[in-house]
Amino acid sequence: MNNLNFPVIPETITVHLGPAGSAARNVTVPFVDYIKNVASSEIYPTWPETAIRANVLAQISFALNRVYTEYYRSRGYDFDITNSTASDQSFVYERDIFDNISRIVDDIFNDYIRRQGSVAPLFAQYCDGVEVSCEGLSQWGSVNLSEQGYAPYQILQFYYGDNIELVQDAPIMGVTESYPGIALRPGTSGNEIRRIQVRLNRISRNYPSIPKIPVTDGIYGPDTEAAVREFQRIFGLTEDGIIGRSTWYAIERIYNAVKRLSELNAEGLTPDDVRDVLPRILQEGDTGTDVRELQYLLAFVGNFTETLPVIAVDGVFGSATRQAVEQFQQQEGLEPSGIVDTVTWNRLYNTYRSLYESLPENYFSGVTAPYPGTPLSRGSRGAEVTRIQEYLNYISNTYPSIPKLDADGVFGARTAEAVRAYQTLFGIEPSGIVGAATWESITETYRDLFQGAQASGTQFGGEIG
């Protein structure tokens, strides 16, 4: 829906001028003009202003719910809402707008209703209250309440409950689809992966054959792949474990359904349901572990690409890193903005992973192996886990606060504890996850200690290939 998980006011909204599935055309209009049109079509300008304001807030929230949940787009349509009153709100294209309604909408078009503790805009159902009755707001009933002295918020509480709240002055942004634009595969990581993990875990409560993902850490590991494949099996999708557009929107659609987000009694979304695990973008001036991850991948790819400049892996996104990003984007046919968004990050990761998997076996015969391309976390298994366990065991001879491990290739609680201990010692965020920056630091520390021991004649253990 946009590049954020929290609702925003869209600059425009696309309306289908007929029921969904009909051959009617689409029109894209400014969101504020859409609300003015709906309000002028649904209510009378002679009503008391408090009643008008309450109805407009309901209409705004209704429309935002459709946009935020991608109700129609997740079903394969190319519009946000219809003008069919059987399912949506009345919209008469190019109709005249009442002056007082226009003024009121200009004042409150970026306010909306939500449940307390929830993120999603309320599906603020309403009806006229005379010819049609419903569980939500009664339009003519709101007039009666207004004449009794009710304020707009009190009218809304009367119909939607005391546990609502108004979000005021929400940001206005251009809205794009939630699908990240590139298929997500096992081994990738990021906020989009965590979004899918959270959704699959909730869906599994209604479809228990979908296995739970123990840690929603944004890393597409074996547990996530198993859940994706089972979801694909249940809902008749290709069982390839790849989250392309069809799987992404099937997950969105089923998640919204089990959460009842497009119903008045929705389960709701908590802030933790939609929180990010990584920055949305990285750009010049940023610092920290995420920048080190980026630099590590760029530096590795640069070993096989003459056009990429050599950069330091220092966690500082300076001009050299920006130039490397721009050059990578250019060679990949992306806009050379120097800003690392989801598309750039995934393209870089896929390039890294492809190069890593093409390396000959003897490439790993040195002191340390390069980052395997897949973040290691609780539940990971295999040779890469064994390597990191062995590196940590060797380092623990010098830094005993790092607990000793059984190098069994299983990333369990003990391994996570050792990783966190290492990260704390070496100034890395103690996440317990071995991404590129942590891998690079561990292997560098191991290499320094091993070579120092070789030079001095001290032996803590054999070389690790």
Protein backbone atom coordinates (compact mmCIF):
# COMPACT_ATOMS: atom_id res chain seq x y z
CA MET A 1 0.00 0.00 0.00
CA ASN A 2 2.90 2.32 0.62
CA ASN A 3 6.50 2.09 1.66
CA LEU A 4 5.45 2.34 5.31
CA ASN A 5 3.43 0.00 7.49
CA PHE A 6 1.41 2.76 9.13
CA PRO A 7 -1.55 4.42 7.39
CA VAL A 8 -1.08 7.62 5.45
CA ILE A 9 -3.48 9.80 3.51
CA PRO A 10 -3.01 8.95 -0.18
CA GLU A 11 -2.51 11.82 -2.58
CA THR A 12 -4.89 10.13 -5.03
CA ILE A 13 -7.37 7.26 -5.06
CA THR A 14 -8.48 5.17 -8.03
CA VAL A 15 -12.24 4.57 -8.21
CA HIS A 16 -13.96 1.93 -10.35
CA LEU A 17 -17.18 3.44 -11.68
CA GLY A 18 -19.26 0.33 -11.15
CA PRO A 19 -19.31 -2.91 -9.17
CA ALA A 20 -16.07 -4.87 -8.96
CA GLY A 21 -15.74 -7.13 -11.98
CA SER A 22 -17.83 -4.89 -14.22
CA ALA A 23 -16.52 -3.33 -17.43
CA ALA A 24 -16.79 0.20 -16.03
CA ARG A 25 -13.80 2.48 -16.31
CA ASN A 26 -11.46 3.65 -13.55
CA VAL A 27 -10.82 7.26 -12.61
CA THR A 28 -7.98 8.51 -10.43
CA VAL A 29 -8.76 11.65 -8.45
CA PRO A 30 -7.17 13.52 -5.53
CA PHE A 31 -8.20 11.85 -2.27
CA VAL A 32 -9.58 15.11 -0.85
CA ASP A 33 -11.77 15.55 -3.96
CA TYR A 34 -12.98 11.97 -3.65
CA ILE A 35 -14.16 12.59 -0.07
CA LYS A 36 -15.88 15.85 -1.11
CA ASN A 37 -17.69 13.95 -3.85
CA VAL A 38 -18.76 11.11 -1.56
CA ALA A 39 -19.93 13.51 1.15
CA SER A 40 -21.91 15.57 -1.37
CA SER A 41 -23.47 12.35 -2.71
CA GLU A 42 -24.21 10.68 0.63
CA ILE A 43 -25.38 13.46 2.97
CA TYR A 44 -27.32 16.75 2.87
CA PRO A 45 -25.54 20.09 3.13
CA THR A 46 -28.41 21.39 5.28
CA TRP A 47 -27.61 18.99 8.11
CA PRO A 48 -26.02 20.39 11.29
CA GLU A 49 -22.26 20.80 10.90
CA THR A 50 -21.50 18.40 13.75
CA ALA A 51 -23.45 15.67 11.94
CA ILE A 52 -21.70 16.44 8.66
CA ARG A 53 -18.29 16.23 10.33
CA ALA A 54 -19.10 12.88 11.96
CA ASN A 55 -20.27 11.45 8.64
CA VAL A 56 -17.22 12.76 6.76
CA LEU A 57 -14.88 11.18 9.30
CA ALA A 58 -16.66 7.86 8.80
CA GLN A 59 -16.34 8.21 5.02
CA ILE A 60 -12.63 9.02 5.27
CA SER A 61 -11.97 6.00 7.51
CA PHE A 62 -13.99 3.71 5.23
CA ALA A 63 -11.97 4.74 2.18
CA LEU A 64 -8.63 4.55 4.01
CA ASN A 65 -9.47 1.04 5.18
CA ARG A 66 -9.97 -0.04 1.58
CA VAL A 67 -6.64 1.51 0.57
CA TYR A 68 -4.67 0.33 3.61
CA THR A 69 -5.83 -3.29 3.40
CA GLU A 70 -5.47 -3.31 -0.40
CA TYR A 71 -8.92 -4.89 -0.38
CA TYR A 72 -9.37 -4.82 -4.14
CA ARG A 73 -5.74 -4.83 -5.25
CA SER A 74 -5.07 -8.02 -3.26
CA ARG A 75 -7.84 -9.59 -5.36
CA GLY A 76 -6.14 -8.69 -8.62
CA TYR A 77 -8.02 -5.47 -9.42
CA ASP A 78 -6.29 -2.28 -10.53
CA PHE A 79 -8.32 0.12 -8.38
CA ASP A 80 -8.72 1.03 -4.71
CA ILE A 81 -12.49 1.28 -4.32
CA THR A 82 -15.72 1.09 -6.32
CA ASN A 83 -18.64 3.51 -6.45
CA SER A 84 -21.14 0.71 -5.91
CA THR A 85 -23.14 1.42 -2.74
CA ALA A 86 -23.68 -2.33 -2.35
CA SER A 87 -20.09 -2.62 -1.14
CA ASP A 88 -18.58 0.87 -1.02
CA GLN A 89 -19.57 4.55 -1.04
CA SER A 90 -21.51 6.62 -3.55
CA PHE A 91 -19.25 8.56 -5.93
CA VAL A 92 -20.70 10.47 -8.88
CA TYR A 93 -17.86 11.41 -11.20
CA GLU A 94 -17.64 15.15 -11.94
CA ARG A 95 -20.68 16.04 -9.85
CA ASP A 96 -21.05 19.47 -8.22
CA ILE A 97 -19.70 19.84 -4.67
CA PHE A 98 -21.52 21.73 -1.91
CA ASP A 99 -19.53 24.70 -0.60
CA ASN A 100 -19.95 23.98 3.11
CA ILE A 101 -19.08 20.31 2.63
CA SER A 102 -15.98 21.31 0.65
CA ARG A 103 -14.88 23.58 3.49
CA ILE A 104 -15.41 20.89 6.14
CA VAL A 105 -13.55 18.24 4.13
CA ASP A 106 -10.60 20.59 3.58
CA ASP A 107 -10.43 20.93 7.36
CA ILE A 108 -10.51 17.23 8.31
CA PHE A 109 -9.63 15.10 5.24
CA ASN A 110 -6.41 13.89 6.90
CA ASP A 111 -8.13 12.76 10.10
CA TYR A 112 -9.52 9.24 10.53
CA ILE A 113 -10.97 6.83 13.11
CA ARG A 114 -9.27 3.76 14.56
CA ARG A 115 -9.71 1.49 17.57
CA GLN A 116 -7.54 2.33 20.56
CA GLY A 117 -4.39 0.21 20.44
CA SER A 118 -4.88 -0.57 16.75
CA VAL A 119 -3.10 0.81 13.70
CA ALA A 120 -5.55 0.17 10.87
CA PRO A 121 -8.23 2.74 9.95
CA LEU A 122 -11.62 1.61 11.23
CA PHE A 123 -13.92 0.04 8.67
CA ALA A 124 -16.49 2.68 9.54
CA GLN A 125 -19.62 1.07 8.19
CA TYR A 126 -22.68 3.33 7.92
CA CYS A 127 -26.15 3.44 6.39
CA ASP A 128 -29.03 5.91 6.14
CA GLY A 129 -30.82 4.48 9.17
CA VAL A 130 -34.26 4.83 7.54
CA GLU A 131 -34.48 2.58 4.51
CA VAL A 132 -31.44 0.52 5.49
CA SER A 133 -30.19 -0.34 8.99
CA CYS A 134 -26.71 -1.61 9.88
CA GLU A 135 -24.38 -2.12 12.83
CA GLY A 136 -22.52 1.11 12.17
CA LEU A 137 -23.42 4.77 11.99
CA SER A 138 -26.98 5.83 11.15
CA GLN A 139 -26.77 8.92 8.97
CA TRP A 140 -30.20 10.27 9.93
CA GLY A 141 -29.59 9.14 13.50
CA SER A 142 -26.45 11.29 13.55
CA VAL A 143 -28.64 14.28 12.69
CA ASN A 144 -30.87 13.56 15.68
CA LEU A 145 -27.87 13.25 17.98
CA SER A 146 -26.44 16.49 16.61
CA GLU A 147 -29.69 18.28 17.37
CA GLN A 148 -29.43 16.93 20.93
CA GLY A 149 -26.06 18.66 21.32
CA TYR A 150 -23.67 15.78 20.55
CA ALA A 151 -20.24 16.77 19.23
CA PRO A 152 -18.82 14.89 16.19
CA TYR A 153 -16.60 12.64 18.32
CA GLN A 154 -19.50 11.84 20.65
CA ILE A 155 -21.64 10.88 17.67
CA LEU A 156 -18.92 8.52 16.48
CA GLN A 157 -18.56 7.01 19.96
CA PHE A 158 -22.33 6.47 20.12
CA TYR A 159 -22.21 4.26 17.04
CA TYR A 160 -18.72 2.77 17.05
CA GLY A 161 -18.05 2.47 20.79
CA ASP A 162 -16.04 4.26 23.45
CA ASN A 163 -12.81 2.52 22.43
CA ILE A 164 -12.26 4.58 19.29
CA GLU A 165 -9.85 7.45 18.81
CA LEU A 166 -9.21 10.08 16.16
CA VAL A 167 -5.89 10.26 14.34
CA GLN A 168 -5.43 13.88 13.31
CA ASP A 169 -3.16 15.46 10.70
CA ALA A 170 -2.00 12.12 9.29
CA PRO A 171 0.82 12.50 6.73
CA ILE A 172 -0.09 12.80 3.05
CA MET A 173 2.00 10.66 0.71
CA GLY A 174 2.00 9.02 -2.66
CA VAL A 175 0.79 5.43 -2.31
CA THR A 176 2.27 2.41 -4.04
CA GLU A 177 1.48 -1.27 -3.74
CA SER A 178 2.86 -3.22 -0.80
CA TYR A 179 4.46 -5.91 -2.98
CA PRO A 180 8.19 -5.07 -2.95
CA GLY A 181 8.57 -5.50 -6.71
CA ILE A 182 10.88 -8.50 -6.54
CA ALA A 183 10.24 -12.12 -5.57
CA LEU A 184 11.44 -13.01 -2.06
CA ARG A 185 13.39 -16.25 -1.83
CA PRO A 186 14.86 -18.38 0.97
CA GLY A 187 17.94 -16.62 2.31
CA THR A 188 16.67 -13.07 1.83
CA SER A 189 16.03 -10.79 4.77
CA GLY A 190 14.32 -7.51 5.55
CA ASN A 191 11.13 -5.85 6.66
CA GLU A 192 9.07 -7.50 3.92
CA ILE A 193 10.08 -10.93 5.22
CA ARG A 194 9.01 -10.01 8.76
CA ARG A 195 5.69 -8.75 7.40
CA ILE A 196 5.10 -12.15 5.80
CA GLN A 197 6.22 -14.01 8.95
CA VAL A 198 3.76 -12.09 11.14
CA ARG A 199 0.94 -12.73 8.68
CA LEU A 200 1.64 -16.44 8.30
CA ASN A 201 1.79 -16.93 12.07
CA ARG A 202 -1.63 -15.30 12.45
CA ILE A 203 -3.09 -17.23 9.52
CA SER A 204 -1.83 -20.48 11.08
CA ARG A 205 -4.26 -20.00 13.97
CA ASN A 206 -7.07 -20.57 11.46
CA TYR A 207 -5.11 -23.04 9.33
CA PRO A 208 -3.11 -25.12 11.87
CA SER A 209 -1.25 -27.17 9.25
CA ILE A 210 0.83 -24.05 8.51
CA PRO A 211 3.82 -24.41 10.88
CA LYS A 212 4.56 -21.56 13.28
CA ILE A 213 7.63 -19.45 12.62
CA PRO A 214 9.33 -19.29 16.06
CA VAL A 215 11.13 -15.96 15.56
CA THR A 216 9.76 -13.19 13.31
CA ASP A 217 13.18 -11.70 12.69
CA GLY A 218 12.90 -10.78 9.03
CA ILE A 219 15.16 -13.65 7.91
CA TYR A 220 13.80 -16.08 5.32
CA GLY A 221 15.08 -19.30 6.86
CA PRO A 222 13.87 -22.92 6.81
CA ASP A 223 10.94 -22.29 9.22
CA THR A 224 9.61 -19.48 7.04
CA GLU A 225 10.03 -21.52 3.87
CA ALA A 226 8.08 -24.42 5.38
CA ALA A 227 5.24 -22.06 6.31
CA VAL A 228 5.21 -20.46 2.85
CA ARG A 229 5.13 -23.82 1.08
CA GLU A 230 2.27 -25.08 3.24
CA PHE A 231 0.32 -21.86 2.63
CA GLN A 232 0.86 -22.27 -1.10
CA ARG A 233 -0.34 -25.87 -0.92
CA ILE A 234 -3.51 -24.99 1.00
CA PHE A 235 -4.49 -22.16 -1.32
CA GLY A 236 -3.66 -23.81 -4.63
CA LEU A 237 -0.52 -21.85 -5.46
CA THR A 238 2.73 -23.16 -6.94
CA GLU A 239 4.57 -24.81 -4.04
CA ASP A 240 8.00 -23.32 -4.73
CA GLY A 241 8.63 -21.42 -1.48
CA ILE A 242 9.09 -18.21 -3.49
CA ILE A 243 7.00 -15.21 -2.51
CA GLY A 244 6.10 -13.67 -5.84
CA ARG A 245 3.20 -11.30 -6.48
CA SER A 246 0.49 -13.97 -6.41
CA THR A 247 1.71 -15.51 -3.14
CA TRP A 248 2.29 -12.08 -1.56
CA TYR A 249 -1.25 -10.91 -2.25
CA ALA A 250 -2.81 -14.25 -1.36
CA ILE A 251 -1.14 -13.95 2.06
CA GLU A 252 -2.35 -10.32 2.35
CA ARG A 253 -5.90 -11.28 1.41
CA ILE A 254 -6.16 -14.24 3.81
CA TYR A 255 -4.50 -12.29 6.62
CA ASN A 256 -6.96 -9.43 6.25
CA ALA A 257 -9.80 -11.96 6.22
CA VAL A 258 -8.80 -13.80 9.40
CA LYS A 259 -8.12 -10.47 11.15
CA ARG A 260 -11.49 -9.16 9.85
CA LEU A 261 -9.79 -5.87 8.98
CA SER A 262 -12.58 -4.98 6.58
CA GLU A 263 -15.29 -5.49 9.17
CA LEU A 264 -16.58 -3.24 11.92
CA ASN A 265 -15.56 -5.74 14.63
CA ALA A 266 -12.01 -6.16 13.31
CA GLU A 267 -9.38 -7.88 15.42
CA GLY A 268 -7.13 -4.92 14.69
CA LEU A 269 -3.41 -4.44 14.14
CA THR A 270 -1.06 -3.61 16.98
CA PRO A 271 2.05 -1.47 16.42
CA ASP A 272 4.19 -4.58 17.00
CA ASP A 273 2.36 -6.33 14.14
CA VAL A 274 3.71 -3.77 11.68
CA ARG A 275 7.04 -2.72 13.17
CA ASP A 276 10.16 -2.74 11.01
CA VAL A 277 13.28 -4.74 11.80
CA LEU A 278 15.51 -2.85 9.36
CA PRO A 279 15.65 0.72 8.10
CA ARG A 280 13.40 1.32 5.10
CA ILE A 281 16.26 2.95 3.20
CA LEU A 282 19.97 3.51 3.65
CA GLN A 283 21.59 6.64 2.32
CA GLU A 284 24.61 8.90 2.69
CA GLY A 285 25.02 10.02 6.29
CA ASP A 286 23.68 6.79 7.84
CA THR A 287 25.85 4.76 10.18
CA GLY A 288 25.69 1.45 12.01
CA THR A 289 25.41 -2.30 11.52
CA ASP A 290 23.05 -2.07 8.55
CA VAL A 291 25.58 0.08 6.69
CA ARG A 292 28.32 -2.47 7.46
CA GLU A 293 26.08 -5.21 6.01
CA LEU A 294 25.66 -3.16 2.84
CA GLN A 295 29.37 -2.39 2.56
CA TYR A 296 30.33 -6.03 3.06
CA LEU A 297 28.10 -7.15 0.20
CA LEU A 298 29.32 -4.34 -2.06
CA ALA A 299 32.96 -5.10 -1.26
CA PHE A 300 32.50 -8.80 -2.02
CA VAL A 301 30.68 -8.14 -5.30
CA GLY A 302 33.40 -5.62 -6.12
CA ASN A 303 35.98 -8.42 -6.06
CA PHE A 304 34.28 -9.84 -9.16
CA THR A 305 33.27 -6.56 -10.83
CA GLU A 306 35.95 -4.15 -11.99
CA THR A 307 33.56 -1.22 -12.24
CA LEU A 308 32.72 -1.13 -8.52
CA PRO A 309 35.10 1.04 -6.47
CA VAL A 310 36.89 -0.42 -3.46
CA ILE A 311 35.23 0.66 -0.20
CA ALA A 312 35.96 0.22 3.50
CA VAL A 313 33.60 -1.83 5.67
CA ASP A 314 33.44 0.73 8.47
CA GLY A 315 29.71 1.26 9.06
CA VAL A 316 29.77 4.84 7.74
CA PHE A 317 27.75 5.60 4.60
CA GLY A 318 30.04 8.19 3.05
CA SER A 319 30.64 9.40 -0.49
CA ALA A 320 32.66 6.29 -1.42
CA THR A 321 29.79 4.00 -0.40
CA ARG A 322 27.30 6.19 -2.25
CA GLN A 323 29.41 6.02 -5.40
CA ALA A 324 29.63 2.22 -5.11
CA VAL A 325 25.84 2.02 -4.71
CA GLU A 326 25.31 4.30 -7.72
CA GLN A 327 27.67 2.20 -9.84
CA PHE A 328 25.97 -1.03 -8.79
CA GLN A 329 22.53 0.43 -9.54
CA GLN A 330 23.69 1.62 -12.95
CA GLN A 331 25.09 -1.76 -13.95
CA GLU A 332 21.86 -3.43 -12.80
CA GLY A 333 19.66 -1.07 -14.82
CA LEU A 334 18.30 0.71 -11.75
CA GLU A 335 18.07 4.45 -11.22
CA PRO A 336 21.53 5.44 -9.91
CA SER A 337 20.20 7.36 -6.91
CA GLY A 338 22.84 6.22 -4.42
CA ILE A 339 19.97 5.39 -2.04
CA VAL A 340 19.50 1.76 -1.03
CA ASP A 341 15.80 0.88 -1.11
CA THR A 342 14.21 -2.57 -1.05
CA VAL A 343 14.74 -3.21 -4.76
CA THR A 344 18.42 -2.25 -4.64
CA TRP A 345 19.03 -4.25 -1.48
CA ASN A 346 17.39 -7.40 -2.86
CA ARG A 347 19.19 -7.05 -6.19
CA LEU A 348 22.53 -6.71 -4.35
CA TYR A 349 21.73 -9.69 -2.15
CA ASN A 350 20.79 -11.86 -5.13
CA THR A 351 24.01 -10.87 -6.92
CA TYR A 352 26.06 -11.70 -3.82
CA ARG A 353 24.30 -15.03 -3.32
CA SER A 354 24.78 -15.99 -6.98
CA LEU A 355 28.50 -15.24 -6.79
CA TYR A 356 28.86 -17.10 -3.49
CA GLU A 357 27.19 -20.24 -4.83
CA SER A 358 29.38 -20.21 -7.95
CA LEU A 359 32.65 -20.25 -5.97
CA PRO A 360 34.78 -23.40 -6.36
CA GLU A 361 35.26 -25.67 -3.36
CA ASN A 362 38.93 -24.72 -2.96
CA TYR A 363 37.88 -21.12 -2.34
CA PHE A 364 37.07 -22.18 1.23
CA SER A 365 40.47 -23.72 1.93
CA GLY A 366 41.82 -20.55 3.52
CA VAL A 367 41.64 -19.47 7.14
CA THR A 368 38.07 -18.17 6.93
CA ALA A 369 35.09 -18.50 4.60
CA PRO A 370 33.09 -15.57 3.21
CA TYR A 371 29.62 -14.75 4.48
CA PRO A 372 27.27 -17.43 3.11
CA GLY A 373 24.70 -14.86 1.99
CA THR A 374 22.00 -16.09 4.36
CA PRO A 375 21.69 -14.56 7.84
CA LEU A 376 22.04 -17.23 10.52
CA SER A 377 19.59 -17.25 13.41
CA ARG A 378 17.67 -19.58 15.73
CA GLY A 379 16.65 -22.63 13.70
CA SER A 380 19.41 -22.36 11.07
CA ARG A 381 21.34 -25.55 10.33
CA GLY A 382 24.27 -26.64 8.20
CA ALA A 383 27.95 -26.17 7.47
CA GLU A 384 27.80 -22.38 7.82
CA VAL A 385 26.47 -22.73 11.37
CA THR A 386 29.23 -25.21 12.17
CA ARG A 387 31.83 -22.75 10.88
CA ILE A 388 30.56 -19.87 13.01
CA GLN A 389 30.39 -22.13 16.08
CA GLU A 390 34.00 -23.17 15.52
CA TYR A 391 35.12 -19.57 15.02
CA LEU A 392 33.37 -18.52 18.24
CA ASN A 393 34.87 -21.43 20.17
CA TYR A 394 38.36 -20.39 19.07
CA ILE A 395 37.70 -16.75 19.96
CA SER A 396 36.34 -17.77 23.39
CA ASN A 397 39.82 -18.98 24.36
CA THR A 398 40.82 -15.31 24.42
CA TYR A 399 37.41 -13.90 25.43
CA PRO A 400 35.99 -16.35 28.00
CA SER A 401 32.73 -14.41 28.38
CA ILE A 402 31.75 -16.07 25.08
CA PRO A 403 30.32 -19.49 26.04
CA LYS A 404 31.74 -22.65 24.49
CA LEU A 405 29.56 -24.44 21.94
CA ASP A 406 29.03 -27.89 20.52
CA ALA A 407 29.93 -27.38 16.85
CA ASP A 408 26.95 -29.43 15.70
CA GLY A 409 25.65 -27.17 12.93
CA VAL A 410 22.45 -26.39 14.83
CA PHE A 411 21.81 -22.73 15.71
CA GLY A 412 20.06 -23.10 19.05
CA ALA A 413 19.69 -20.96 22.17
CA ARG A 414 23.31 -21.55 23.24
CA THR A 415 24.67 -20.40 19.89
CA ALA A 416 22.45 -17.31 19.96
CA GLU A 417 23.78 -16.57 23.46
CA ALA A 418 27.39 -16.86 22.22
CA VAL A 419 26.66 -14.60 19.25
CA ARG A 420 25.09 -11.96 21.51
CA ALA A 421 28.08 -12.16 23.86
CA TYR A 422 30.43 -11.61 20.92
CA GLN A 423 28.35 -8.73 19.56
CA THR A 424 28.29 -7.03 22.95
CA LEU A 425 32.06 -7.32 23.30
CA PHE A 426 32.73 -5.90 19.84
CA GLY A 427 30.20 -3.09 19.75
CA ILE A 428 27.60 -4.70 17.49
CA GLU A 429 23.89 -4.57 18.27
CA PRO A 430 23.34 -7.79 20.29
CA SER A 431 20.62 -9.32 18.12
CA GLY A 432 21.89 -12.90 18.29
CA ILE A 433 21.71 -13.00 14.48
CA VAL A 434 24.76 -13.50 12.27
CA GLY A 435 24.33 -11.19 9.31
CA ALA A 436 27.07 -10.00 6.99
CA ALA A 437 28.50 -7.45 9.45
CA THR A 438 28.64 -9.91 12.35
CA TRP A 439 30.09 -12.64 10.13
CA GLU A 440 32.75 -10.26 8.85
CA SER A 441 33.66 -9.20 12.40
CA ILE A 442 33.80 -12.76 13.77
CA THR A 443 35.93 -14.05 10.90
CA GLU A 444 38.26 -11.06 11.11
CA THR A 445 38.71 -11.55 14.87
CA TYR A 446 39.28 -15.27 14.38
CA ARG A 447 41.79 -14.63 11.62
CA ASP A 448 43.75 -12.10 13.70
CA LEU A 449 43.86 -14.42 16.72
CA PHE A 450 44.80 -17.46 14.65
CA GLN A 451 47.57 -15.68 12.75
CA GLY A 452 48.84 -14.14 15.99
CA ALA A 453 48.96 -17.56 17.60
CA GLN A 454 50.80 -18.99 14.59
CA ALA A 455 53.41 -16.23 14.78
CA SER A 456 53.98 -16.68 18.51
CA GLY A 457 53.89 -20.46 18.46
CA THR A 458 50.78 -20.58 20.64
CA GLN A 459 48.12 -23.11 19.62
CA PHE A 460 44.49 -22.93 20.72
CA GLY A 461 43.29 -25.40 18.13
CA GLY A 462 43.58 -26.26 14.45
CA GLU A 463 42.91 -24.08 11.46
CA ILE A 464 39.29 -23.89 10.42
CA GLY A 465 38.62 -24.05 6.70
